Amino acid sequence: NLALIIEGGFVGEDDAAELIFRAYPVHERKLEVMEIKSNEGMTMLLWAAAHGRDAACEWLVKNGANLLATNKKGRL
């Protein structure tokens, strides 16, 4: 699960998140995975930012996460 990998901080150059992204061809569904929201309306990027996971935020943005995603309260 990519969300658990992000949560665990495995986003370095040869870490799990990168290996998963390299293993699968790029297609529109890959980006959809990054925008799945939790019960609180948090995408992986929103969660990483809220928890001070700078490296995860950088990795997510580099790989196409939506910078304008909002949570259930409409916050970026």
C-alpha atoms as a PDB file:
ATOM      1  CA  ASN A   1       0.000   0.000   0.000  1.00  0.00           C
ATOM      2  CA  LEU A   2       1.593   3.245  -1.146  1.00  0.00           C
ATOM      3  CA  ALA A   3      -0.014   5.250   1.659  1.00  0.00           C
ATOM      4  CA  LEU A   4       1.667   3.063   4.299  1.00  0.00           C
ATOM      5  CA  ILE A   5       4.999   3.382   2.513  1.00  0.00           C
ATOM      6  CA  ILE A   6       4.643   7.181   2.502  1.00  0.00           C
ATOM      7  CA  GLU A   7       3.560   7.163   6.149  1.00  0.00           C
ATOM      8  CA  GLY A   8       6.612   5.096   7.036  1.00  0.00           C
ATOM      9  CA  GLY A   9       8.896   7.579   5.282  1.00  0.00           C
ATOM     10  CA  PHE A  10      10.242   5.155   2.673  1.00  0.00           C
ATOM     11  CA  VAL A  11      10.584   7.771  -0.067  1.00  0.00           C
ATOM     12  CA  GLY A  12      14.318   7.940  -0.752  1.00  0.00           C
ATOM     13  CA  GLU A  13      15.860   7.362  -4.153  1.00  0.00           C
ATOM     14  CA  ASP A  14      15.946   3.563  -3.792  1.00  0.00           C
ATOM     15  CA  ASP A  15      13.257   3.166  -1.136  1.00  0.00           C
ATOM     16  CA  ALA A  16       9.959   1.329  -1.508  1.00  0.00           C
ATOM     17  CA  ALA A  17       7.881   4.203  -2.937  1.00  0.00           C
ATOM     18  CA  GLU A  18      10.374   4.814  -5.718  1.00  0.00           C
ATOM     19  CA  LEU A  19      10.696   1.100  -6.495  1.00  0.00           C
ATOM     20  CA  ILE A  20       6.926   0.724  -6.793  1.00  0.00           C
ATOM     21  CA  PHE A  21       6.683   3.701  -9.145  1.00  0.00           C
ATOM     22  CA  ARG A  22       9.522   2.395 -11.310  1.00  0.00           C
ATOM     23  CA  ALA A  23       7.971  -1.084 -11.479  1.00  0.00           C
ATOM     24  CA  TYR A  24       4.717   0.049 -13.090  1.00  0.00           C
ATOM     25  CA  PRO A  25       4.291   1.941 -16.360  1.00  0.00           C
ATOM     26  CA  VAL A  26       2.987   5.497 -16.035  1.00  0.00           C
ATOM     27  CA  HIS A  27      -0.717   5.784 -16.694  1.00  0.00           C
ATOM     28  CA  GLU A  28      -3.595   7.881 -15.422  1.00  0.00           C
ATOM     29  CA  ARG A  29      -4.522   5.428 -12.640  1.00  0.00           C
ATOM     30  CA  LYS A  30      -1.103   5.823 -11.022  1.00  0.00           C
ATOM     31  CA  LEU A  31      -1.847   9.473 -10.298  1.00  0.00           C
ATOM     32  CA  GLU A  32      -5.355   8.621  -9.072  1.00  0.00           C
ATOM     33  CA  VAL A  33      -3.801   6.508  -6.313  1.00  0.00           C
ATOM     34  CA  MET A  34      -2.107   9.609  -4.881  1.00  0.00           C
ATOM     35  CA  GLU A  35      -5.432  11.408  -4.649  1.00  0.00           C
ATOM     36  CA  ILE A  36      -7.316   8.752  -2.670  1.00  0.00           C
ATOM     37  CA  LYS A  37      -8.618  10.413   0.487  1.00  0.00           C
ATOM     38  CA  SER A  38      -8.796   9.058   4.023  1.00  0.00           C
ATOM     39  CA  ASN A  39     -11.926   9.253   6.164  1.00  0.00           C
ATOM     40  CA  GLU A  40     -10.786  12.746   7.174  1.00  0.00           C
ATOM     41  CA  GLY A  41     -10.459  13.762   3.516  1.00  0.00           C
ATOM     42  CA  MET A  42      -6.658  13.707   3.565  1.00  0.00           C
ATOM     43  CA  THR A  43      -4.640  12.774   0.486  1.00  0.00           C
ATOM     44  CA  MET A  44      -1.153  11.353   1.010  1.00  0.00           C
ATOM     45  CA  LEU A  45       0.294  14.817   0.398  1.00  0.00           C
ATOM     46  CA  LEU A  46      -2.035  16.488   2.897  1.00  0.00           C
ATOM     47  CA  TRP A  47      -1.200  13.820   5.489  1.00  0.00           C
ATOM     48  CA  ALA A  48       2.549  14.121   4.917  1.00  0.00           C
ATOM     49  CA  ALA A  49       2.425  17.920   5.166  1.00  0.00           C
ATOM     50  CA  ALA A  50       0.314  17.823   8.334  1.00  0.00           C
ATOM     51  CA  HIS A  51       2.814  15.447   9.951  1.00  0.00           C
ATOM     52  CA  GLY A  52       5.980  17.309   8.939  1.00  0.00           C
ATOM     53  CA  ARG A  53       7.174  14.645   6.495  1.00  0.00           C
ATOM     54  CA  ASP A  54       9.162  16.964   4.228  1.00  0.00           C
ATOM     55  CA  ALA A  55      10.855  14.205   2.220  1.00  0.00           C
ATOM     56  CA  ALA A  56       7.510  12.503   1.594  1.00  0.00           C
ATOM     57  CA  CYS A  57       5.986  15.824   0.477  1.00  0.00           C
ATOM     58  CA  GLU A  58       8.844  16.433  -1.943  1.00  0.00           C
ATOM     59  CA  TRP A  59       8.574  12.901  -3.336  1.00  0.00           C
ATOM     60  CA  LEU A  60       4.801  13.129  -3.765  1.00  0.00           C
ATOM     61  CA  VAL A  61       4.984  16.494  -5.538  1.00  0.00           C
ATOM     62  CA  LYS A  62       7.813  15.262  -7.773  1.00  0.00           C
ATOM     63  CA  ASN A  63       5.621  12.320  -8.764  1.00  0.00           C
ATOM     64  CA  GLY A  64       2.503  14.326  -9.566  1.00  0.00           C
ATOM     65  CA  ALA A  65       0.522  14.755  -6.340  1.00  0.00           C
ATOM     66  CA  ASN A  66      -2.096  17.487  -6.557  1.00  0.00           C
ATOM     67  CA  LEU A  67      -0.895  20.616  -4.747  1.00  0.00           C
ATOM     68  CA  LEU A  68      -4.431  22.000  -4.702  1.00  0.00           C
ATOM     69  CA  ALA A  69      -6.138  19.028  -3.019  1.00  0.00           C
ATOM     70  CA  THR A  70      -8.275  19.954  -0.046  1.00  0.00           C
ATOM     71  CA  ASN A  71      -9.498  18.049   2.993  1.00  0.00           C
ATOM     72  CA  LYS A  72     -13.146  17.802   4.124  1.00  0.00           C
ATOM     73  CA  LYS A  73     -12.898  21.272   5.664  1.00  0.00           C
ATOM     74  CA  GLY A  74     -11.672  22.756   2.383  1.00  0.00           C
ATOM     75  CA  ARG A  75      -8.128  23.359   3.636  1.00  0.00           C
ATOM     76  CA  LEU A  76      -5.092  22.907   1.391  1.00  0.00           C
END
